[in-house]
Amino acid sequence: MTKPKDVKIGERIRAVFDQMPKTCTIDWFAKELNCDRRNVYRIFKKENIDIHLLARISQILNHDFFRDLSEGK
């Protein structure tokens, strides 16, 4: 049985966020998440994340992070 790659979800979220249009700023993302911009930077450093928060982030960024996790991306 092969072991899935360790996916650091915060890094993946950051990578997807960085591909968003330039109008999608950190301030915009923080507002969408109802948090402070410092919390957004903390999210980018996380190795794991609450599934409810991940669902919200997936919806905001229009990206299926759950699929990324299951595929080991």
PDB file of N, CA and C in Angstrom:
ATOM      1  N   MET A   1       0.843  -1.172   0.000  1.00  0.00           N
ATOM      2  CA  MET A   1       0.000   0.000   0.000  1.00  0.00           C
ATOM      3  C   MET A   1       0.895   1.246   0.000  1.00  0.00           C
ATOM      4  N   THR A   2       0.651   2.131  -0.932  1.00  0.00           N
ATOM      5  CA  THR A   2       1.459   3.341  -1.002  1.00  0.00           C
ATOM      6  C   THR A   2       0.930   4.392  -0.047  1.00  0.00           C
ATOM      7  N   LYS A   3       1.850   5.123   0.503  1.00  0.00           N
ATOM      8  CA  LYS A   3       1.515   6.185   1.446  1.00  0.00           C
ATOM      9  C   LYS A   3       1.272   7.474   0.663  1.00  0.00           C
ATOM     10  N   PRO A   4       0.123   8.162   0.918  1.00  0.00           N
ATOM     11  CA  PRO A   4      -0.112   9.418   0.209  1.00  0.00           C
ATOM     12  C   PRO A   4       0.905  10.476   0.616  1.00  0.00           C
ATOM     13  N   LYS A   5       1.181  11.381  -0.317  1.00  0.00           N
ATOM     14  CA  LYS A   5       2.098  12.481  -0.010  1.00  0.00           C
ATOM     15  C   LYS A   5       1.517  13.315   1.117  1.00  0.00           C
ATOM     16  N   ASP A   6       2.399  13.865   1.930  1.00  0.00           N
ATOM     17  CA  ASP A   6       1.952  14.800   2.955  1.00  0.00           C
ATOM     18  C   ASP A   6       1.564  16.103   2.268  1.00  0.00           C
ATOM     19  N   VAL A   7       0.295  16.444   2.387  1.00  0.00           N
ATOM     20  CA  VAL A   7      -0.208  17.666   1.785  1.00  0.00           C
ATOM     21  C   VAL A   7      -0.317  18.711   2.881  1.00  0.00           C
ATOM     22  N   LYS A   8       0.397  19.797   2.724  1.00  0.00           N
ATOM     23  CA  LYS A   8       0.265  20.909   3.662  1.00  0.00           C
ATOM     24  C   LYS A   8      -0.823  21.801   3.093  1.00  0.00           C
ATOM     25  N   ILE A   9      -1.993  21.688   3.677  1.00  0.00           N
ATOM     26  CA  ILE A   9      -3.166  22.332   3.117  1.00  0.00           C
ATOM     27  C   ILE A   9      -3.012  23.841   3.029  1.00  0.00           C
ATOM     28  N   GLY A  10      -2.353  24.450   3.987  1.00  0.00           N
ATOM     29  CA  GLY A  10      -2.147  25.893   3.940  1.00  0.00           C
ATOM     30  C   GLY A  10      -1.368  26.323   2.708  1.00  0.00           C
ATOM     31  N   GLU A  11      -0.343  25.548   2.365  1.00  0.00           N
ATOM     32  CA  GLU A  11       0.444  25.851   1.173  1.00  0.00           C
ATOM     33  C   GLU A  11      -0.402  25.703  -0.086  1.00  0.00           C
ATOM     34  N   ARG A  12      -1.269  24.700  -0.089  1.00  0.00           N
ATOM     35  CA  ARG A  12      -2.147  24.485  -1.256  1.00  0.00           C
ATOM     36  C   ARG A  12      -3.150  25.628  -1.388  1.00  0.00           C
ATOM     37  N   ILE A  13      -3.717  26.052  -0.251  1.00  0.00           N
ATOM     38  CA  ILE A  13      -4.648  27.181  -0.269  1.00  0.00           C
ATOM     39  C   ILE A  13      -3.943  28.420  -0.804  1.00  0.00           C
ATOM     40  N   ARG A  14      -2.729  28.661  -0.347  1.00  0.00           N
ATOM     41  CA  ARG A  14      -1.956  29.825  -0.809  1.00  0.00           C
ATOM     42  C   ARG A  14      -1.711  29.752  -2.309  1.00  0.00           C
ATOM     43  N   ALA A  15      -1.367  28.568  -2.803  1.00  0.00           N
ATOM     44  CA  ALA A  15      -1.098  28.408  -4.231  1.00  0.00           C
ATOM     45  C   ALA A  15      -2.338  28.718  -5.067  1.00  0.00           C
ATOM     46  N   VAL A  16      -3.490  28.242  -4.611  1.00  0.00           N
ATOM     47  CA  VAL A  16      -4.735  28.515  -5.339  1.00  0.00           C
ATOM     48  C   VAL A  16      -5.090  29.995  -5.227  1.00  0.00           C
ATOM     49  N   PHE A  17      -4.938  30.555  -4.028  1.00  0.00           N
ATOM     50  CA  PHE A  17      -5.210  31.979  -3.838  1.00  0.00           C
ATOM     51  C   PHE A  17      -4.334  32.826  -4.763  1.00  0.00           C
ATOM     52  N   ASP A  18      -3.066  32.477  -4.889  1.00  0.00           N
ATOM     53  CA  ASP A  18      -2.135  33.243  -5.719  1.00  0.00           C
ATOM     54  C   ASP A  18      -2.517  33.212  -7.199  1.00  0.00           C
ATOM     55  N   GLN A  19      -3.315  32.240  -7.621  1.00  0.00           N
ATOM     56  CA  GLN A  19      -3.759  32.153  -9.011  1.00  0.00           C
ATOM     57  C   GLN A  19      -5.046  32.941  -9.267  1.00  0.00           C
ATOM     58  N   MET A  20      -5.618  33.472  -8.208  1.00  0.00           N
ATOM     59  CA  MET A  20      -6.848  34.252  -8.351  1.00  0.00           C
ATOM     60  C   MET A  20      -6.522  35.586  -9.030  1.00  0.00           C
ATOM     61  N   PRO A  21      -7.544  36.224  -9.615  1.00  0.00           N
ATOM     62  CA  PRO A  21      -7.306  37.556 -10.205  1.00  0.00           C
ATOM     63  C   PRO A  21      -6.758  38.523  -9.158  1.00  0.00           C
ATOM     64  N   LYS A  22      -6.013  39.498  -9.612  1.00  0.00           N
ATOM     65  CA  LYS A  22      -5.368  40.460  -8.704  1.00  0.00           C
ATOM     66  C   LYS A  22      -6.376  41.254  -7.876  1.00  0.00           C
ATOM     67  N   THR A  23      -7.635  41.285  -8.300  1.00  0.00           N
ATOM     68  CA  THR A  23      -8.665  41.976  -7.505  1.00  0.00           C
ATOM     69  C   THR A  23      -8.990  41.204  -6.230  1.00  0.00           C
ATOM     70  N   CYS A  24      -8.600  39.947  -6.191  1.00  0.00           N
ATOM     71  CA  CYS A  24      -8.823  39.117  -4.997  1.00  0.00           C
ATOM     72  C   CYS A  24      -7.598  39.258  -4.086  1.00  0.00           C
ATOM     73  N   THR A  25      -7.649  40.238  -3.229  1.00  0.00           N
ATOM     74  CA  THR A  25      -6.532  40.547  -2.345  1.00  0.00           C
ATOM     75  C   THR A  25      -6.662  39.784  -1.024  1.00  0.00           C
ATOM     76  N   ILE A  26      -5.632  39.881  -0.206  1.00  0.00           N
ATOM     77  CA  ILE A  26      -5.684  39.296   1.136  1.00  0.00           C
ATOM     78  C   ILE A  26      -6.828  39.928   1.924  1.00  0.00           C
ATOM     79  N   ASP A  27      -6.985  41.225   1.791  1.00  0.00           N
ATOM     80  CA  ASP A  27      -8.089  41.907   2.492  1.00  0.00           C
ATOM     81  C   ASP A  27      -9.444  41.373   2.037  1.00  0.00           C
ATOM     82  N   TRP A  28      -9.598  41.155   0.743  1.00  0.00           N
ATOM     83  CA  TRP A  28     -10.842  40.585   0.208  1.00  0.00           C
ATOM     84  C   TRP A  28     -11.086  39.195   0.799  1.00  0.00           C
ATOM     85  N   PHE A  29     -10.046  38.362   0.792  1.00  0.00           N
ATOM     86  CA  PHE A  29     -10.153  36.994   1.299  1.00  0.00           C
ATOM     87  C   PHE A  29     -10.515  37.010   2.786  1.00  0.00           C
ATOM     88  N   ALA A  30      -9.862  37.858   3.542  1.00  0.00           N
ATOM     89  CA  ALA A  30     -10.158  37.966   4.979  1.00  0.00           C
ATOM     90  C   ALA A  30     -11.610  38.396   5.199  1.00  0.00           C
ATOM     91  N   LYS A  31     -12.074  39.340   4.406  1.00  0.00           N
ATOM     92  CA  LYS A  31     -13.465  39.794   4.530  1.00  0.00           C
ATOM     93  C   LYS A  31     -14.435  38.660   4.214  1.00  0.00           C
ATOM     94  N   GLU A  32     -14.151  37.904   3.169  1.00  0.00           N
ATOM     95  CA  GLU A  32     -15.001  36.766   2.794  1.00  0.00           C
ATOM     96  C   GLU A  32     -15.045  35.704   3.899  1.00  0.00           C
ATOM     97  N   LEU A  33     -13.919  35.544   4.598  1.00  0.00           N
ATOM     98  CA  LEU A  33     -13.838  34.562   5.688  1.00  0.00           C
ATOM     99  C   LEU A  33     -14.306  35.129   7.025  1.00  0.00           C
ATOM    100  N   ASN A  34     -14.639  36.422   7.043  1.00  0.00           N
ATOM    101  CA  ASN A  34     -15.024  37.101   8.287  1.00  0.00           C
ATOM    102  C   ASN A  34     -13.926  37.000   9.340  1.00  0.00           C
ATOM    103  N   CYS A  35     -12.704  37.313   8.921  1.00  0.00           N
ATOM    104  CA  CYS A  35     -11.581  37.275   9.847  1.00  0.00           C
ATOM    105  C   CYS A  35     -10.614  38.407   9.527  1.00  0.00           C
ATOM    106  N   ASP A  36      -9.587  38.502  10.301  1.00  0.00           N
ATOM    107  CA  ASP A  36      -8.537  39.493  10.127  1.00  0.00           C
ATOM    108  C   ASP A  36      -7.517  38.970   9.120  1.00  0.00           C
ATOM    109  N   ARG A  37      -6.873  39.876   8.405  1.00  0.00           N
ATOM    110  CA  ARG A  37      -5.885  39.453   7.405  1.00  0.00           C
ATOM    111  C   ARG A  37      -4.741  38.639   8.025  1.00  0.00           C
ATOM    112  N   ARG A  38      -4.424  38.890   9.304  1.00  0.00           N
ATOM    113  CA  ARG A  38      -3.385  38.086   9.969  1.00  0.00           C
ATOM    114  C   ARG A  38      -3.802  36.620  10.046  1.00  0.00           C
ATOM    115  N   ASN A  39      -5.105  36.389  10.220  1.00  0.00           N
ATOM    116  CA  ASN A  39      -5.592  35.009  10.271  1.00  0.00           C
ATOM    117  C   ASN A  39      -5.438  34.317   8.922  1.00  0.00           C
ATOM    118  N   VAL A  40      -5.573  35.068   7.842  1.00  0.00           N
ATOM    119  CA  VAL A  40      -5.375  34.493   6.509  1.00  0.00           C
ATOM    120  C   VAL A  40      -3.939  33.995   6.378  1.00  0.00           C
ATOM    121  N   TYR A  41      -2.986  34.800   6.811  1.00  0.00           N
ATOM    122  CA  TYR A  41      -1.587  34.372   6.745  1.00  0.00           C
ATOM    123  C   TYR A  41      -1.332  33.156   7.639  1.00  0.00           C
ATOM    124  N   ARG A  42      -2.037  33.059   8.749  1.00  0.00           N
ATOM    125  CA  ARG A  42      -1.919  31.863   9.614  1.00  0.00           C
ATOM    126  C   ARG A  42      -2.469  30.632   8.899  1.00  0.00           C
ATOM    127  N   ILE A  43      -3.575  30.813   8.184  1.00  0.00           N
ATOM    128  CA  ILE A  43      -4.154  29.697   7.422  1.00  0.00           C
ATOM    129  C   ILE A  43      -3.140  29.182   6.409  1.00  0.00           C
ATOM    130  N   PHE A  44      -2.431  30.090   5.742  1.00  0.00           N
ATOM    131  CA  PHE A  44      -1.444  29.699   4.731  1.00  0.00           C
ATOM    132  C   PHE A  44      -0.308  28.864   5.325  1.00  0.00           C
ATOM    133  N   LYS A  45      -0.113  28.914   6.627  1.00  0.00           N
ATOM    134  CA  LYS A  45       0.963  28.159   7.280  1.00  0.00           C
ATOM    135  C   LYS A  45       0.500  26.833   7.883  1.00  0.00           C
ATOM    136  N   LYS A  46      -0.803  26.581   7.855  1.00  0.00           N
ATOM    137  CA  LYS A  46      -1.348  25.398   8.514  1.00  0.00           C
ATOM    138  C   LYS A  46      -1.023  24.107   7.767  1.00  0.00           C
ATOM    139  N   GLU A  47      -0.779  23.061   8.551  1.00  0.00           N
ATOM    140  CA  GLU A  47      -0.598  21.730   7.980  1.00  0.00           C
ATOM    141  C   GLU A  47      -1.913  20.974   7.938  1.00  0.00           C
ATOM    142  N   ASN A  48      -2.844  21.347   8.822  1.00  0.00           N
ATOM    143  CA  ASN A  48      -4.182  20.754   8.806  1.00  0.00           C
ATOM    144  C   ASN A  48      -5.179  21.847   9.154  1.00  0.00           C
ATOM    145  N   ILE A  49      -6.452  21.567   8.887  1.00  0.00           N
ATOM    146  CA  ILE A  49      -7.455  22.609   9.003  1.00  0.00           C
ATOM    147  C   ILE A  49      -8.812  21.983   9.294  1.00  0.00           C
ATOM    148  N   ASP A  50      -9.649  22.697  10.001  1.00  0.00           N
ATOM    149  CA  ASP A  50     -11.000  22.265  10.300  1.00  0.00           C
ATOM    150  C   ASP A  50     -11.784  22.093   8.993  1.00  0.00           C
ATOM    151  N   ILE A  51     -12.572  21.031   8.882  1.00  0.00           N
ATOM    152  CA  ILE A  51     -13.266  20.769   7.615  1.00  0.00           C
ATOM    153  C   ILE A  51     -14.308  21.833   7.285  1.00  0.00           C
ATOM    154  N   HIS A  52     -14.907  22.430   8.296  1.00  0.00           N
ATOM    155  CA  HIS A  52     -15.896  23.481   8.028  1.00  0.00           C
ATOM    156  C   HIS A  52     -15.218  24.719   7.437  1.00  0.00           C
ATOM    157  N   LEU A  53     -14.059  25.055   7.966  1.00  0.00           N
ATOM    158  CA  LEU A  53     -13.304  26.179   7.425  1.00  0.00           C
ATOM    159  C   LEU A  53     -12.831  25.857   6.011  1.00  0.00           C
ATOM    160  N   LEU A  54     -12.378  24.635   5.799  1.00  0.00           N
ATOM    161  CA  LEU A  54     -11.920  24.235   4.470  1.00  0.00           C
ATOM    162  C   LEU A  54     -13.068  24.289   3.467  1.00  0.00           C
ATOM    163  N   ALA A  55     -14.260  23.916   3.891  1.00  0.00           N
ATOM    164  CA  ALA A  55     -15.426  23.994   3.007  1.00  0.00           C
ATOM    165  C   ALA A  55     -15.707  25.442   2.619  1.00  0.00           C
ATOM    166  N   ARG A  56     -15.621  26.351   3.587  1.00  0.00           N
ATOM    167  CA  ARG A  56     -15.835  27.776   3.294  1.00  0.00           C
ATOM    168  C   ARG A  56     -14.772  28.302   2.335  1.00  0.00           C
ATOM    169  N   ILE A  57     -13.535  27.934   2.584  1.00  0.00           N
ATOM    170  CA  ILE A  57     -12.440  28.377   1.717  1.00  0.00           C
ATOM    171  C   ILE A  57     -12.634  27.813   0.306  1.00  0.00           C
ATOM    172  N   SER A  58     -13.030  26.555   0.210  1.00  0.00           N
ATOM    173  CA  SER A  58     -13.284  25.931  -1.093  1.00  0.00           C
ATOM    174  C   SER A  58     -14.347  26.696  -1.864  1.00  0.00           C
ATOM    175  N   GLN A  59     -15.380  27.089  -1.159  1.00  0.00           N
ATOM    176  CA  GLN A  59     -16.468  27.826  -1.794  1.00  0.00           C
ATOM    177  C   GLN A  59     -16.001  29.219  -2.231  1.00  0.00           C
ATOM    178  N   ILE A  60     -15.292  29.909  -1.363  1.00  0.00           N
ATOM    179  CA  ILE A  60     -14.820  31.265  -1.673  1.00  0.00           C
ATOM    180  C   ILE A  60     -13.862  31.260  -2.860  1.00  0.00           C
ATOM    181  N   LEU A  61     -12.929  30.316  -2.869  1.00  0.00           N
ATOM    182  CA  LEU A  61     -11.920  30.271  -3.928  1.00  0.00           C
ATOM    183  C   LEU A  61     -12.361  29.428  -5.119  1.00  0.00           C
ATOM    184  N   ASN A  62     -13.564  28.848  -5.024  1.00  0.00           N
ATOM    185  CA  ASN A  62     -14.108  28.016  -6.099  1.00  0.00           C
ATOM    186  C   ASN A  62     -13.120  26.909  -6.493  1.00  0.00           C
ATOM    187  N   HIS A  63     -12.658  26.180  -5.471  1.00  0.00           N
ATOM    188  CA  HIS A  63     -11.682  25.108  -5.677  1.00  0.00           C
ATOM    189  C   HIS A  63     -11.978  23.974  -4.704  1.00  0.00           C
ATOM    190  N   ASP A  64     -11.903  22.743  -5.179  1.00  0.00           N
ATOM    191  CA  ASP A  64     -12.196  21.577  -4.343  1.00  0.00           C
ATOM    192  C   ASP A  64     -10.924  21.087  -3.636  1.00  0.00           C
ATOM    193  N   PHE A  65     -10.662  21.650  -2.462  1.00  0.00           N
ATOM    194  CA  PHE A  65      -9.483  21.246  -1.697  1.00  0.00           C
ATOM    195  C   PHE A  65      -9.627  19.830  -1.148  1.00  0.00           C
ATOM    196  N   PHE A  66     -10.848  19.372  -0.976  1.00  0.00           N
ATOM    197  CA  PHE A  66     -11.063  18.001  -0.506  1.00  0.00           C
ATOM    198  C   PHE A  66     -10.555  17.007  -1.550  1.00  0.00           C
ATOM    199  N   ARG A  67     -10.752  17.316  -2.802  1.00  0.00           N
ATOM    200  CA  ARG A  67     -10.237  16.448  -3.864  1.00  0.00           C
ATOM    201  C   ARG A  67      -8.706  16.468  -3.842  1.00  0.00           C
ATOM    202  N   ASP A  68      -8.135  17.647  -3.670  1.00  0.00           N
ATOM    203  CA  ASP A  68      -6.680  17.740  -3.585  1.00  0.00           C
ATOM    204  C   ASP A  68      -6.146  16.840  -2.482  1.00  0.00           C
ATOM    205  N   LEU A  69      -6.794  16.871  -1.321  1.00  0.00           N
ATOM    206  CA  LEU A  69      -6.357  16.056  -0.194  1.00  0.00           C
ATOM    207  C   LEU A  69      -6.487  14.565  -0.504  1.00  0.00           C
ATOM    208  N   SER A  70      -7.619  14.181  -1.116  1.00  0.00           N
ATOM    209  CA  SER A  70      -7.820  12.757  -1.395  1.00  0.00           C
ATOM    210  C   SER A  70      -6.876  12.245  -2.478  1.00  0.00           C
ATOM    211  N   GLU A  71      -6.454  13.147  -3.374  1.00  0.00           N
ATOM    212  CA  GLU A  71      -5.532  12.756  -4.442  1.00  0.00           C
ATOM    213  C   GLU A  71      -4.074  12.965  -4.053  1.00  0.00           C
ATOM    214  N   GLY A  72      -3.838  13.544  -2.878  1.00  0.00           N
ATOM    215  CA  GLY A  72      -2.476  13.754  -2.402  1.00  0.00           C
ATOM    216  C   GLY A  72      -1.748  14.873  -3.114  1.00  0.00           C
ATOM    217  N   LYS A  73      -2.487  15.858  -3.600  1.00  0.00           N
ATOM    218  CA  LYS A  73      -1.864  16.990  -4.315  1.00  0.00           C
ATOM    219  C   LYS A  73      -1.293  17.987  -3.348  1.00  0.00           C
TER     220      LYS A  73
END
